[in-house]
C-alpha atoms as a PDB file:
ATOM      1  CA  MET A   1     -30.134  28.185 -41.123  1.00  0.00           C
ATOM      2  CA  GLU A   2     -26.475  27.421 -41.860  1.00  0.00           C
ATOM      3  CA  MET A   3     -25.473  28.941 -38.500  1.00  0.00           C
ATOM      4  CA  GLN A   4     -27.986  26.749 -36.648  1.00  0.00           C
ATOM      5  CA  LYS A   5     -26.550  23.716 -38.392  1.00  0.00           C
ATOM      6  CA  ASP A   6     -23.015  24.756 -37.409  1.00  0.00           C
ATOM      7  CA  ASN A   7     -24.117  25.315 -33.816  1.00  0.00           C
ATOM      8  CA  GLN A   8     -25.807  21.905 -33.731  1.00  0.00           C
ATOM      9  CA  ILE A   9     -22.634  20.270 -35.072  1.00  0.00           C
ATOM     10  CA  LEU A  10     -20.559  22.048 -32.416  1.00  0.00           C
ATOM     11  CA  GLU A  11     -23.005  21.027 -29.679  1.00  0.00           C
ATOM     12  CA  ASP A  12     -22.977  17.422 -30.879  1.00  0.00           C
ATOM     13  CA  LEU A  13     -19.176  17.475 -31.024  1.00  0.00           C
ATOM     14  CA  SER A  14     -19.019  18.974 -27.541  1.00  0.00           C
ATOM     15  CA  ARG A  15     -21.337  16.274 -26.168  1.00  0.00           C
ATOM     16  CA  MET A  16     -19.292  13.582 -27.864  1.00  0.00           C
ATOM     17  CA  VAL A  17     -16.005  14.936 -26.463  1.00  0.00           C
ATOM     18  CA  SER A  18     -17.546  15.180 -22.984  1.00  0.00           C
ATOM     19  CA  SER A  19     -18.815  11.630 -23.286  1.00  0.00           C
ATOM     20  CA  VAL A  20     -15.417  10.348 -24.423  1.00  0.00           C
ATOM     21  CA  ALA A  21     -13.704  12.222 -21.582  1.00  0.00           C
ATOM     22  CA  GLY A  22     -16.093  10.654 -19.073  1.00  0.00           C
ATOM     23  CA  THR A  23     -15.509   7.213 -20.543  1.00  0.00           C
ATOM     24  CA  VAL A  24     -11.723   7.641 -20.447  1.00  0.00           C
ATOM     25  CA  ALA A  25     -11.894   8.796 -16.826  1.00  0.00           C
ATOM     26  CA  GLY A  26     -14.053   5.782 -15.964  1.00  0.00           C
ATOM     27  CA  VAL A  27     -11.660   3.418 -17.687  1.00  0.00           C
ATOM     28  CA  GLY A  28      -8.773   5.020 -15.806  1.00  0.00           C
ATOM     29  CA  ARG A  29     -10.505   4.519 -12.458  1.00  0.00           C
ATOM     30  CA  GLU A  30     -11.364   0.924 -13.350  1.00  0.00           C
ATOM     31  CA  ALA A  31      -7.765   0.218 -14.373  1.00  0.00           C
ATOM     32  CA  GLU A  32      -6.465   1.758 -11.150  1.00  0.00           C
ATOM     33  CA  THR A  33      -8.853  -0.355  -9.085  1.00  0.00           C
ATOM     34  CA  ARG A  34      -7.845  -3.542 -10.898  1.00  0.00           C
ATOM     35  CA  ILE A  35      -4.133  -2.780 -10.505  1.00  0.00           C
ATOM     36  CA  LYS A  36      -4.577  -2.124  -6.777  1.00  0.00           C
ATOM     37  CA  ASP A  37      -6.510  -5.383  -6.407  1.00  0.00           C
ATOM     38  CA  LYS A  38      -3.795  -7.337  -8.227  1.00  0.00           C
ATOM     39  CA  LEU A  39      -1.073  -5.754  -6.078  1.00  0.00           C
ATOM     40  CA  ARG A  40      -2.999  -6.586  -2.902  1.00  0.00           C
ATOM     41  CA  GLU A  41      -3.321 -10.200  -4.070  1.00  0.00           C
ATOM     42  CA  ALA A  42       0.390 -10.369  -4.897  1.00  0.00           C
ATOM     43  CA  VAL A  43       1.451  -8.900  -1.556  1.00  0.00           C
ATOM     44  CA  ALA A  44      -0.994 -11.084   0.364  1.00  0.00           C
ATOM     45  CA  GLY A  45       0.650 -14.146  -1.178  1.00  0.00           C
ATOM     46  CA  MET A  46       4.039 -13.130   0.183  1.00  0.00           C
ATOM     47  CA  ASP A  47       5.132 -13.827   3.727  1.00  0.00           C
ATOM     48  CA  PHE A  48       5.136 -10.247   4.958  1.00  0.00           C
ATOM     49  CA  VAL A  49       4.306  -9.482   8.569  1.00  0.00           C
ATOM     50  CA  SER A  50       2.118  -6.675   9.780  1.00  0.00           C
ATOM     51  CA  ARG A  51       3.573  -3.675  11.579  1.00  0.00           C
ATOM     52  CA  GLU A  52       1.967  -4.916  14.817  1.00  0.00           C
ATOM     53  CA  GLU A  53       3.598  -8.343  14.495  1.00  0.00           C
ATOM     54  CA  PHE A  54       6.956  -6.750  13.726  1.00  0.00           C
ATOM     55  CA  GLU A  55       6.747  -4.430  16.734  1.00  0.00           C
ATOM     56  CA  ALA A  56       5.755  -7.342  19.019  1.00  0.00           C
ATOM     57  CA  VAL A  57       8.743  -9.441  17.916  1.00  0.00           C
ATOM     58  CA  LYS A  58      11.033  -6.421  18.171  1.00  0.00           C
ATOM     59  CA  GLU A  59       9.890  -5.910  21.762  1.00  0.00           C
ATOM     60  CA  LEU A  60      10.466  -9.591  22.569  1.00  0.00           C
ATOM     61  CA  ALA A  61      13.955  -9.432  21.086  1.00  0.00           C
ATOM     62  CA  ALA A  62      14.801  -6.323  23.134  1.00  0.00           C
ATOM     63  CA  GLY A  63      13.623  -8.098  26.296  1.00  0.00           C
ATOM     64  CA  ALA A  64      15.660 -11.199  25.436  1.00  0.00           C
ATOM     65  CA  ARG A  65      18.724  -9.034  24.790  1.00  0.00           C
ATOM     66  CA  THR A  66      18.331  -7.332  28.182  1.00  0.00           C
ATOM     67  CA  GLU A  67      17.913 -10.690  29.907  1.00  0.00           C
ATOM     68  CA  LEU A  68      20.951 -12.099  28.092  1.00  0.00           C
ATOM     69  CA  GLU A  69      23.114  -9.169  29.207  1.00  0.00           C
ATOM     70  CA  ALA A  70      21.948  -9.667  32.809  1.00  0.00           C
ATOM     71  CA  LEU A  71      22.751 -13.385  32.620  1.00  0.00           C
ATOM     72  CA  LYS A  72      26.183 -12.633  31.154  1.00  0.00           C
ATOM     73  CA  ALA A  73      26.899 -10.252  34.023  1.00  0.00           C
ATOM     74  CA  GLU A  74      25.698 -12.809  36.587  1.00  0.00           C
ATOM     75  CA  PHE A  75      27.810 -15.550  34.955  1.00  0.00           C
ATOM     76  CA  ALA A  76      30.868 -13.292  34.927  1.00  0.00           C
ATOM     77  CA  ALA A  77      30.330 -12.495  38.631  1.00  0.00           C
ATOM     78  CA  LEU A  78      29.956 -16.164  39.516  1.00  0.00           C
ATOM     79  CA  LYS A  79      33.031 -17.036  37.481  1.00  0.00           C
ATOM     80  CA  ALA A  80      35.065 -14.316  39.176  1.00  0.00           C
ATOM     81  CA  GLY A  81      33.985 -15.548  42.619  1.00  0.00           C
ATOM     82  CA  LYS A  82      35.404 -19.051  42.124  1.00  0.00           C
END
């Protein structure tokens, strides 16, 4: 009878530890989700641009640079011809 009581105590303890572990894991996941949400909100409030916007502006700047170099060369040629 004493052994059954000990086994029941160990089973109850095991269930309790499993329950606590599950609760801690759930709390951890909830905390992670909340932190990610807060970070998204913080970043959304900043004036960051998307990768697509950055690449589009980068391409425009490269085109403008090429055009500027061509205009400089044309100006230099016109200046030399005077």
